[in-house]
Amino acid sequence: INHRDIPGFFLNTTAEAASIIEALGPERVGLQFDLYH
């Protein structure tokens, strides 16, 4: 989620999310890809 809408949100970029998902397993956790953010 972008910092303009929710300042201070912990997860900001798709790269960060992809890294976490890859570590946990994409079969177990997925990405909610919001094109606006």
PDB file of all heavy atoms in Angstrom:
ATOM      1  N   ILE A   1       0.849  -1.194   0.000  1.00  0.00           N
ATOM      2  CA  ILE A   1       0.000   0.000   0.000  1.00  0.00           C
ATOM      3  C   ILE A   1       0.884   1.243   0.000  1.00  0.00           C
ATOM      4  O   ILE A   1       1.884   1.303   0.724  1.00  0.00           O
ATOM      5  CB  ILE A   1      -0.950  -0.004   1.208  1.00  0.00           C
ATOM      6  CG1 ILE A   1      -1.927  -1.198   1.088  1.00  0.00           C
ATOM      7  CG2 ILE A   1      -1.712   1.307   1.328  1.00  0.00           C
ATOM      8  CD1 ILE A   1      -2.887  -1.335   2.246  1.00  0.00           C
ATOM      9  N   ASN A   2       0.500   2.228  -0.806  1.00  0.00           N
ATOM     10  CA  ASN A   2       1.336   3.416  -0.929  1.00  0.00           C
ATOM     11  C   ASN A   2       1.290   4.278   0.330  1.00  0.00           C
ATOM     12  O   ASN A   2       0.315   4.248   1.093  1.00  0.00           O
ATOM     13  CB  ASN A   2       0.915   4.221  -2.166  1.00  0.00           C
ATOM     14  CG  ASN A   2      -0.373   5.000  -1.944  1.00  0.00           C
ATOM     15  OD1 ASN A   2      -0.388   6.066  -1.333  1.00  0.00           O
ATOM     16  ND2 ASN A   2      -1.489   4.469  -2.442  1.00  0.00           N
ATOM     17  N   HIS A   3       2.357   5.063   0.516  1.00  0.00           N
ATOM     18  CA  HIS A   3       2.474   5.890   1.715  1.00  0.00           C
ATOM     19  C   HIS A   3       1.628   7.157   1.664  1.00  0.00           C
ATOM     20  O   HIS A   3       1.487   7.826   2.685  1.00  0.00           O
ATOM     21  CB  HIS A   3       3.950   6.270   1.937  1.00  0.00           C
ATOM     22  CG  HIS A   3       4.670   5.318   2.827  1.00  0.00           C
ATOM     23  ND1 HIS A   3       6.039   5.297   2.952  1.00  0.00           N
ATOM     24  CD2 HIS A   3       4.217   4.336   3.634  1.00  0.00           C
ATOM     25  CE1 HIS A   3       6.394   4.351   3.813  1.00  0.00           C
ATOM     26  NE2 HIS A   3       5.300   3.751   4.224  1.00  0.00           N
ATOM     27  N   ARG A   4       1.073   7.467   0.506  1.00  0.00           N
ATOM     28  CA  ARG A   4       0.207   8.639   0.428  1.00  0.00           C
ATOM     29  C   ARG A   4      -1.149   8.346   1.064  1.00  0.00           C
ATOM     30  O   ARG A   4      -1.688   9.171   1.813  1.00  0.00           O
ATOM     31  CB  ARG A   4       0.014   9.056  -1.031  1.00  0.00           C
ATOM     32  CG  ARG A   4      -0.738  10.370  -1.202  1.00  0.00           C
ATOM     33  CD  ARG A   4      -0.723  10.807  -2.645  1.00  0.00           C
ATOM     34  NE  ARG A   4      -1.694  10.059  -3.450  1.00  0.00           N
ATOM     35  CZ  ARG A   4      -1.684  10.042  -4.780  1.00  0.00           C
ATOM     36  NH1 ARG A   4      -0.742  10.692  -5.450  1.00  0.00           N
ATOM     37  NH2 ARG A   4      -2.602   9.359  -5.452  1.00  0.00           N
ATOM     38  N   ASP A   5      -1.694   7.179   0.781  1.00  0.00           N
ATOM     39  CA  ASP A   5      -2.993   6.817   1.338  1.00  0.00           C
ATOM     40  C   ASP A   5      -2.889   6.356   2.786  1.00  0.00           C
ATOM     41  O   ASP A   5      -3.755   6.683   3.604  1.00  0.00           O
ATOM     42  CB  ASP A   5      -3.636   5.716   0.497  1.00  0.00           C
ATOM     43  CG  ASP A   5      -4.239   6.252  -0.787  1.00  0.00           C
ATOM     44  OD1 ASP A   5      -3.542   6.982  -1.516  1.00  0.00           O
ATOM     45  OD2 ASP A   5      -5.408   5.961  -1.059  1.00  0.00           O
ATOM     46  N   ILE A   6      -1.870   5.557   3.086  1.00  0.00           N
ATOM     47  CA  ILE A   6      -1.681   5.078   4.462  1.00  0.00           C
ATOM     48  C   ILE A   6      -0.233   5.332   4.852  1.00  0.00           C
ATOM     49  O   ILE A   6       0.634   4.465   4.683  1.00  0.00           O
ATOM     50  CB  ILE A   6      -2.030   3.579   4.606  1.00  0.00           C
ATOM     51  CG1 ILE A   6      -3.467   3.305   4.132  1.00  0.00           C
ATOM     52  CG2 ILE A   6      -1.882   3.146   6.062  1.00  0.00           C
ATOM     53  CD1 ILE A   6      -3.916   1.862   4.309  1.00  0.00           C
ATOM     54  N   PRO A   7       0.068   6.527   5.351  1.00  0.00           N
ATOM     55  CA  PRO A   7       1.444   6.827   5.772  1.00  0.00           C
ATOM     56  C   PRO A   7       1.927   5.839   6.834  1.00  0.00           C
ATOM     57  O   PRO A   7       1.199   5.515   7.777  1.00  0.00           O
ATOM     58  CB  PRO A   7       1.328   8.243   6.348  1.00  0.00           C
ATOM     59  CG  PRO A   7       0.110   8.823   5.692  1.00  0.00           C
ATOM     60  CD  PRO A   7      -0.839   7.673   5.532  1.00  0.00           C
ATOM     61  N   GLY A   8       3.146   5.343   6.642  1.00  0.00           N
ATOM     62  CA  GLY A   8       3.729   4.441   7.622  1.00  0.00           C
ATOM     63  C   GLY A   8       3.376   2.986   7.453  1.00  0.00           C
ATOM     64  O   GLY A   8       3.796   2.141   8.272  1.00  0.00           O
ATOM     65  N   PHE A   9       2.615   2.630   6.403  1.00  0.00           N
ATOM     66  CA  PHE A   9       2.268   1.224   6.216  1.00  0.00           C
ATOM     67  C   PHE A   9       3.529   0.408   6.002  1.00  0.00           C
ATOM     68  O   PHE A   9       4.451   0.825   5.300  1.00  0.00           O
ATOM     69  CB  PHE A   9       1.322   1.063   5.022  1.00  0.00           C
ATOM     70  CG  PHE A   9       0.609  -0.260   4.994  1.00  0.00           C
ATOM     71  CD1 PHE A   9      -0.419  -0.530   5.877  1.00  0.00           C
ATOM     72  CD2 PHE A   9       0.967  -1.246   4.080  1.00  0.00           C
ATOM     73  CE1 PHE A   9      -1.077  -1.749   5.856  1.00  0.00           C
ATOM     74  CE2 PHE A   9       0.320  -2.462   4.045  1.00  0.00           C
ATOM     75  CZ  PHE A   9      -0.708  -2.724   4.944  1.00  0.00           C
ATOM     76  N   PHE A  10       3.587  -0.771   6.610  1.00  0.00           N
ATOM     77  CA  PHE A  10       4.825  -1.545   6.648  1.00  0.00           C
ATOM     78  C   PHE A  10       5.242  -2.085   5.277  1.00  0.00           C
ATOM     79  O   PHE A  10       6.427  -2.141   4.956  1.00  0.00           O
ATOM     80  CB  PHE A  10       4.682  -2.709   7.627  1.00  0.00           C
ATOM     81  CG  PHE A  10       5.919  -3.550   7.763  1.00  0.00           C
ATOM     82  CD1 PHE A  10       7.041  -3.054   8.403  1.00  0.00           C
ATOM     83  CD2 PHE A  10       5.967  -4.832   7.237  1.00  0.00           C
ATOM     84  CE1 PHE A  10       8.198  -3.820   8.521  1.00  0.00           C
ATOM     85  CE2 PHE A  10       7.113  -5.610   7.355  1.00  0.00           C
ATOM     86  CZ  PHE A  10       8.226  -5.106   7.994  1.00  0.00           C
ATOM     87  N   LEU A  11       4.274  -2.488   4.465  1.00  0.00           N
ATOM     88  CA  LEU A  11       4.577  -3.119   3.181  1.00  0.00           C
ATOM     89  C   LEU A  11       4.226  -2.145   2.054  1.00  0.00           C
ATOM     90  O   LEU A  11       3.058  -1.796   1.870  1.00  0.00           O
ATOM     91  CB  LEU A  11       3.763  -4.411   3.016  1.00  0.00           C
ATOM     92  CG  LEU A  11       4.029  -5.238   1.757  1.00  0.00           C
ATOM     93  CD1 LEU A  11       5.444  -5.809   1.760  1.00  0.00           C
ATOM     94  CD2 LEU A  11       3.003  -6.369   1.633  1.00  0.00           C
ATOM     95  N   ASN A  12       5.231  -1.716   1.297  1.00  0.00           N
ATOM     96  CA  ASN A  12       5.010  -0.655   0.314  1.00  0.00           C
ATOM     97  C   ASN A  12       5.222  -1.045  -1.139  1.00  0.00           C
ATOM     98  O   ASN A  12       4.575  -0.484  -2.016  1.00  0.00           O
ATOM     99  CB  ASN A  12       5.932   0.535   0.606  1.00  0.00           C
ATOM    100  CG  ASN A  12       5.755   1.084   1.992  1.00  0.00           C
ATOM    101  OD1 ASN A  12       6.720   1.228   2.723  1.00  0.00           O
ATOM    102  ND2 ASN A  12       4.524   1.383   2.366  1.00  0.00           N
ATOM    103  N   THR A  13       6.125  -1.955  -1.431  1.00  0.00           N
ATOM    104  CA  THR A  13       6.451  -2.233  -2.829  1.00  0.00           C
ATOM    105  C   THR A  13       6.153  -3.685  -3.201  1.00  0.00           C
ATOM    106  O   THR A  13       6.157  -4.588  -2.353  1.00  0.00           O
ATOM    107  CB  THR A  13       7.938  -1.950  -3.122  1.00  0.00           C
ATOM    108  OG1 THR A  13       8.752  -2.946  -2.483  1.00  0.00           O
ATOM    109  CG2 THR A  13       8.338  -0.567  -2.643  1.00  0.00           C
ATOM    110  N   THR A  14       5.939  -3.878  -4.490  1.00  0.00           N
ATOM    111  CA  THR A  14       5.687  -5.230  -4.978  1.00  0.00           C
ATOM    112  C   THR A  14       6.920  -6.111  -4.830  1.00  0.00           C
ATOM    113  O   THR A  14       6.794  -7.322  -4.616  1.00  0.00           O
ATOM    114  CB  THR A  14       5.237  -5.189  -6.445  1.00  0.00           C
ATOM    115  OG1 THR A  14       6.214  -4.488  -7.229  1.00  0.00           O
ATOM    116  CG2 THR A  14       3.896  -4.496  -6.580  1.00  0.00           C
ATOM    117  N   ALA A  15       8.103  -5.520  -4.907  1.00  0.00           N
ATOM    118  CA  ALA A  15       9.329  -6.313  -4.732  1.00  0.00           C
ATOM    119  C   ALA A  15       9.418  -6.858  -3.310  1.00  0.00           C
ATOM    120  O   ALA A  15       9.811  -8.014  -3.099  1.00  0.00           O
ATOM    121  CB  ALA A  15      10.557  -5.461  -5.056  1.00  0.00           C
ATOM    122  N   GLU A  16       9.071  -6.013  -2.326  1.00  0.00           N
ATOM    123  CA  GLU A  16       9.065  -6.489  -0.934  1.00  0.00           C
ATOM    124  C   GLU A  16       8.066  -7.630  -0.767  1.00  0.00           C
ATOM    125  O   GLU A  16       8.370  -8.653  -0.128  1.00  0.00           O
ATOM    126  CB  GLU A  16       8.683  -5.338   0.000  1.00  0.00           C
ATOM    127  CG  GLU A  16       9.705  -4.228   0.103  1.00  0.00           C
ATOM    128  CD  GLU A  16       9.165  -3.023   0.855  1.00  0.00           C
ATOM    129  OE1 GLU A  16       7.932  -2.838   0.920  1.00  0.00           O
ATOM    130  OE2 GLU A  16       9.997  -2.269   1.388  1.00  0.00           O
ATOM    131  N   ALA A  17       6.884  -7.451  -1.326  1.00  0.00           N
ATOM    132  CA  ALA A  17       5.857  -8.487  -1.199  1.00  0.00           C
ATOM    133  C   ALA A  17       6.288  -9.777  -1.879  1.00  0.00           C
ATOM    134  O   ALA A  17       6.122 -10.875  -1.319  1.00  0.00           O
ATOM    135  CB  ALA A  17       4.548  -7.983  -1.800  1.00  0.00           C
ATOM    136  N   ALA A  18       6.868  -9.679  -3.072  1.00  0.00           N
ATOM    137  CA  ALA A  18       7.291 -10.872  -3.796  1.00  0.00           C
ATOM    138  C   ALA A  18       8.364 -11.630  -3.032  1.00  0.00           C
ATOM    139  O   ALA A  18       8.375 -12.872  -3.001  1.00  0.00           O
ATOM    140  CB  ALA A  18       7.798 -10.490  -5.183  1.00  0.00           C
ATOM    141  N   SER A  19       9.279 -10.896  -2.386  1.00  0.00           N
ATOM    142  CA  SER A  19      10.334 -11.536  -1.609  1.00  0.00           C
ATOM    143  C   SER A  19       9.759 -12.333  -0.444  1.00  0.00           C
ATOM    144  O   SER A  19      10.177 -13.461  -0.164  1.00  0.00           O
ATOM    145  CB  SER A  19      11.313 -10.471  -1.100  1.00  0.00           C
ATOM    146  OG  SER A  19      12.305 -11.058  -0.288  1.00  0.00           O
ATOM    147  N   ILE A  20       8.787 -11.754   0.231  1.00  0.00           N
ATOM    148  CA  ILE A  20       8.146 -12.437   1.369  1.00  0.00           C
ATOM    149  C   ILE A  20       7.373 -13.654   0.889  1.00  0.00           C
ATOM    150  O   ILE A  20       7.449 -14.740   1.485  1.00  0.00           O
ATOM    151  CB  ILE A  20       7.230 -11.448   2.108  1.00  0.00           C
ATOM    152  CG1 ILE A  20       8.062 -10.375   2.810  1.00  0.00           C
ATOM    153  CG2 ILE A  20       6.346 -12.179   3.134  1.00  0.00           C
ATOM    154  CD1 ILE A  20       7.275  -9.169   3.266  1.00  0.00           C
ATOM    155  N   ILE A  21       6.632 -13.498  -0.194  1.00  0.00           N
ATOM    156  CA  ILE A  21       5.845 -14.614  -0.727  1.00  0.00           C
ATOM    157  C   ILE A  21       6.755 -15.750  -1.189  1.00  0.00           C
ATOM    158  O   ILE A  21       6.474 -16.929  -0.948  1.00  0.00           O
ATOM    159  CB  ILE A  21       4.949 -14.126  -1.877  1.00  0.00           C
ATOM    160  CG1 ILE A  21       3.861 -13.188  -1.327  1.00  0.00           C
ATOM    161  CG2 ILE A  21       4.316 -15.297  -2.617  1.00  0.00           C
ATOM    162  CD1 ILE A  21       3.102 -12.443  -2.397  1.00  0.00           C
ATOM    163  N   GLU A  22       7.845 -15.399  -1.829  1.00  0.00           N
ATOM    164  CA  GLU A  22       8.779 -16.425  -2.299  1.00  0.00           C
ATOM    165  C   GLU A  22       9.352 -17.211  -1.129  1.00  0.00           C
ATOM    166  O   GLU A  22       9.526 -18.437  -1.205  1.00  0.00           O
ATOM    167  CB  GLU A  22       9.892 -15.773  -3.106  1.00  0.00           C
ATOM    168  CG  GLU A  22      10.697 -16.756  -3.920  1.00  0.00           C
ATOM    169  CD  GLU A  22      11.512 -16.073  -5.001  1.00  0.00           C
ATOM    170  OE1 GLU A  22      11.944 -14.929  -4.788  1.00  0.00           O
ATOM    171  OE2 GLU A  22      11.709 -16.697  -6.059  1.00  0.00           O
ATOM    172  N   ALA A  23       9.636 -16.511  -0.023  1.00  0.00           N
ATOM    173  CA  ALA A  23      10.187 -17.189   1.149  1.00  0.00           C
ATOM    174  C   ALA A  23       9.173 -18.119   1.805  1.00  0.00           C
ATOM    175  O   ALA A  23       9.526 -19.203   2.285  1.00  0.00           O
ATOM    176  CB  ALA A  23      10.679 -16.151   2.155  1.00  0.00           C
ATOM    177  N   LEU A  24       7.908 -17.712   1.824  1.00  0.00           N
ATOM    178  CA  LEU A  24       6.870 -18.508   2.477  1.00  0.00           C
ATOM    179  C   LEU A  24       6.277 -19.565   1.562  1.00  0.00           C
ATOM    180  O   LEU A  24       5.702 -20.552   2.021  1.00  0.00           O
ATOM    181  CB  LEU A  24       5.752 -17.599   2.980  1.00  0.00           C
ATOM    182  CG  LEU A  24       6.122 -16.654   4.125  1.00  0.00           C
ATOM    183  CD1 LEU A  24       5.018 -15.626   4.362  1.00  0.00           C
ATOM    184  CD2 LEU A  24       6.390 -17.438   5.404  1.00  0.00           C
ATOM    185  N   GLY A  25       6.418 -19.330   0.252  1.00  0.00           N
ATOM    186  CA  GLY A  25       5.863 -20.262  -0.732  1.00  0.00           C
ATOM    187  C   GLY A  25       4.645 -19.677  -1.412  1.00  0.00           C
ATOM    188  O   GLY A  25       3.627 -19.446  -0.755  1.00  0.00           O
ATOM    189  N   PRO A  26       4.715 -19.405  -2.726  1.00  0.00           N
ATOM    190  CA  PRO A  26       3.582 -18.805  -3.432  1.00  0.00           C
ATOM    191  C   PRO A  26       2.351 -19.693  -3.498  1.00  0.00           C
ATOM    192  O   PRO A  26       1.259 -19.220  -3.789  1.00  0.00           O
ATOM    193  CB  PRO A  26       4.143 -18.529  -4.837  1.00  0.00           C
ATOM    194  CG  PRO A  26       5.342 -19.414  -4.957  1.00  0.00           C
ATOM    195  CD  PRO A  26       5.892 -19.572  -3.583  1.00  0.00           C
ATOM    196  N   GLU A  27       2.525 -20.969  -3.204  1.00  0.00           N
ATOM    197  CA  GLU A  27       1.361 -21.842  -3.120  1.00  0.00           C
ATOM    198  C   GLU A  27       0.608 -21.641  -1.805  1.00  0.00           C
ATOM    199  O   GLU A  27      -0.555 -22.044  -1.677  1.00  0.00           O
ATOM    200  CB  GLU A  27       1.781 -23.312  -3.280  1.00  0.00           C
ATOM    201  CG  GLU A  27       2.495 -23.913  -2.085  1.00  0.00           C
ATOM    202  CD  GLU A  27       3.955 -23.480  -1.956  1.00  0.00           C
ATOM    203  OE1 GLU A  27       4.454 -22.746  -2.834  1.00  0.00           O
ATOM    204  OE2 GLU A  27       4.598 -23.896  -0.963  1.00  0.00           O
ATOM    205  N   ARG A  28       1.249 -20.968  -0.827  1.00  0.00           N
ATOM    206  CA  ARG A  28       0.650 -20.777   0.493  1.00  0.00           C
ATOM    207  C   ARG A  28       0.150 -19.351   0.700  1.00  0.00           C
ATOM    208  O   ARG A  28      -0.834 -19.129   1.417  1.00  0.00           O
ATOM    209  CB  ARG A  28       1.682 -21.107   1.584  1.00  0.00           C
ATOM    210  CG  ARG A  28       2.232 -22.515   1.503  1.00  0.00           C
ATOM    211  CD  ARG A  28       3.347 -22.725   2.518  1.00  0.00           C
ATOM    212  NE  ARG A  28       2.827 -22.700   3.882  1.00  0.00           N
ATOM    213  CZ  ARG A  28       3.337 -21.972   4.860  1.00  0.00           C
ATOM    214  NH1 ARG A  28       4.369 -21.163   4.636  1.00  0.00           N
ATOM    215  NH2 ARG A  28       2.815 -22.021   6.068  1.00  0.00           N
ATOM    216  N   VAL A  29       0.844 -18.375   0.136  1.00  0.00           N
ATOM    217  CA  VAL A  29       0.508 -16.963   0.293  1.00  0.00           C
ATOM    218  C   VAL A  29       0.548 -16.308  -1.077  1.00  0.00           C
ATOM    219  O   VAL A  29       1.462 -16.570  -1.864  1.00  0.00           O
ATOM    220  CB  VAL A  29       1.494 -16.245   1.244  1.00  0.00           C
ATOM    221  CG1 VAL A  29       1.148 -14.757   1.373  1.00  0.00           C
ATOM    222  CG2 VAL A  29       1.517 -16.914   2.611  1.00  0.00           C
ATOM    223  N   GLY A  30      -0.446 -15.479  -1.381  1.00  0.00           N
ATOM    224  CA  GLY A  30      -0.506 -14.830  -2.680  1.00  0.00           C
ATOM    225  C   GLY A  30      -0.367 -13.323  -2.589  1.00  0.00           C
ATOM    226  O   GLY A  30      -0.380 -12.734  -1.505  1.00  0.00           O
ATOM    227  N   LEU A  31      -0.238 -12.704  -3.749  1.00  0.00           N
ATOM    228  CA  LEU A  31      -0.130 -11.255  -3.854  1.00  0.00           C
ATOM    229  C   LEU A  31      -1.475 -10.659  -4.249  1.00  0.00           C
ATOM    230  O   LEU A  31      -2.099 -11.101  -5.215  1.00  0.00           O
ATOM    231  CB  LEU A  31       0.914 -10.878  -4.900  1.00  0.00           C
ATOM    232  CG  LEU A  31       1.061  -9.380  -5.221  1.00  0.00           C
ATOM    233  CD1 LEU A  31       1.541  -8.605  -4.008  1.00  0.00           C
ATOM    234  CD2 LEU A  31       2.009  -9.171  -6.403  1.00  0.00           C
ATOM    235  N   GLN A  32      -1.907  -9.678  -3.495  1.00  0.00           N
ATOM    236  CA  GLN A  32      -3.048  -8.855  -3.882  1.00  0.00           C
ATOM    237  C   GLN A  32      -2.465  -7.647  -4.606  1.00  0.00           C
ATOM    238  O   GLN A  32      -1.948  -6.725  -3.990  1.00  0.00           O
ATOM    239  CB  GLN A  32      -3.836  -8.433  -2.638  1.00  0.00           C
ATOM    240  CG  GLN A  32      -5.081  -7.622  -2.923  1.00  0.00           C
ATOM    241  CD  GLN A  32      -5.908  -7.425  -1.669  1.00  0.00           C
ATOM    242  OE1 GLN A  32      -6.137  -8.365  -0.906  1.00  0.00           O
ATOM    243  NE2 GLN A  32      -6.360  -6.209  -1.434  1.00  0.00           N
ATOM    244  N   PHE A  33      -2.536  -7.690  -5.925  1.00  0.00           N
ATOM    245  CA  PHE A  33      -1.885  -6.683  -6.765  1.00  0.00           C
ATOM    246  C   PHE A  33      -2.872  -5.569  -7.062  1.00  0.00           C
ATOM    247  O   PHE A  33      -3.751  -5.707  -7.905  1.00  0.00           O
ATOM    248  CB  PHE A  33      -1.374  -7.329  -8.051  1.00  0.00           C
ATOM    249  CG  PHE A  33      -0.608  -6.398  -8.946  1.00  0.00           C
ATOM    250  CD1 PHE A  33       0.640  -5.934  -8.585  1.00  0.00           C
ATOM    251  CD2 PHE A  33      -1.138  -5.995 -10.167  1.00  0.00           C
ATOM    252  CE1 PHE A  33       1.361  -5.069  -9.416  1.00  0.00           C
ATOM    253  CE2 PHE A  33      -0.433  -5.138 -11.010  1.00  0.00           C
ATOM    254  CZ  PHE A  33       0.814  -4.673 -10.628  1.00  0.00           C
ATOM    255  N   ASP A  34      -2.720  -4.465  -6.351  1.00  0.00           N
ATOM    256  CA  ASP A  34      -3.593  -3.306  -6.526  1.00  0.00           C
ATOM    257  C   ASP A  34      -2.908  -2.329  -7.469  1.00  0.00           C
ATOM    258  O   ASP A  34      -1.881  -1.739  -7.126  1.00  0.00           O
ATOM    259  CB  ASP A  34      -3.873  -2.663  -5.167  1.00  0.00           C
ATOM    260  CG  ASP A  34      -4.951  -1.596  -5.238  1.00  0.00           C
ATOM    261  OD1 ASP A  34      -4.892  -0.763  -6.161  1.00  0.00           O
ATOM    262  OD2 ASP A  34      -5.831  -1.577  -4.362  1.00  0.00           O
ATOM    263  N   LEU A  35      -3.479  -2.164  -8.653  1.00  0.00           N
ATOM    264  CA  LEU A  35      -2.839  -1.330  -9.670  1.00  0.00           C
ATOM    265  C   LEU A  35      -2.805   0.135  -9.262  1.00  0.00           C
ATOM    266  O   LEU A  35      -1.911   0.877  -9.676  1.00  0.00           O
ATOM    267  CB  LEU A  35      -3.548  -1.495 -11.012  1.00  0.00           C
ATOM    268  CG  LEU A  35      -3.170  -2.757 -11.798  1.00  0.00           C
ATOM    269  CD1 LEU A  35      -3.899  -3.974 -11.245  1.00  0.00           C
ATOM    270  CD2 LEU A  35      -3.490  -2.615 -13.277  1.00  0.00           C
ATOM    271  N   TYR A  36      -3.750   0.559  -8.451  1.00  0.00           N
ATOM    272  CA  TYR A  36      -3.761   1.940  -7.953  1.00  0.00           C
ATOM    273  C   TYR A  36      -2.544   2.203  -7.075  1.00  0.00           C
ATOM    274  O   TYR A  36      -1.795   3.163  -7.284  1.00  0.00           O
ATOM    275  CB  TYR A  36      -5.052   2.186  -7.181  1.00  0.00           C
ATOM    276  CG  TYR A  36      -5.068   3.445  -6.349  1.00  0.00           C
ATOM    277  CD1 TYR A  36      -5.275   4.694  -6.935  1.00  0.00           C
ATOM    278  CD2 TYR A  36      -4.892   3.384  -4.963  1.00  0.00           C
ATOM    279  CE1 TYR A  36      -5.301   5.848  -6.158  1.00  0.00           C
ATOM    280  CE2 TYR A  36      -4.919   4.527  -4.188  1.00  0.00           C
ATOM    281  CZ  TYR A  36      -5.120   5.765  -4.798  1.00  0.00           C
ATOM    282  OH  TYR A  36      -5.135   6.902  -4.025  1.00  0.00           O
ATOM    283  N   HIS A  37      -2.311   1.348  -6.105  1.00  0.00           N
ATOM    284  CA  HIS A  37      -1.154   1.526  -5.216  1.00  0.00           C
ATOM    285  C   HIS A  37       0.153   1.395  -5.992  1.00  0.00           C
ATOM    286  O   HIS A  37       1.106   2.150  -5.760  1.00  0.00           O
ATOM    287  CB  HIS A  37      -1.194   0.508  -4.078  1.00  0.00           C
ATOM    288  CG  HIS A  37      -2.317   0.723  -3.117  1.00  0.00           C
ATOM    289  ND1 HIS A  37      -2.476   1.895  -2.427  1.00  0.00           N
ATOM    290  CD2 HIS A  37      -3.332  -0.093  -2.723  1.00  0.00           C
ATOM    291  CE1 HIS A  37      -3.543   1.809  -1.642  1.00  0.00           C
ATOM    292  NE2 HIS A  37      -4.077   0.604  -1.809  1.00  0.00           N
TER     293      HIS A  37
END
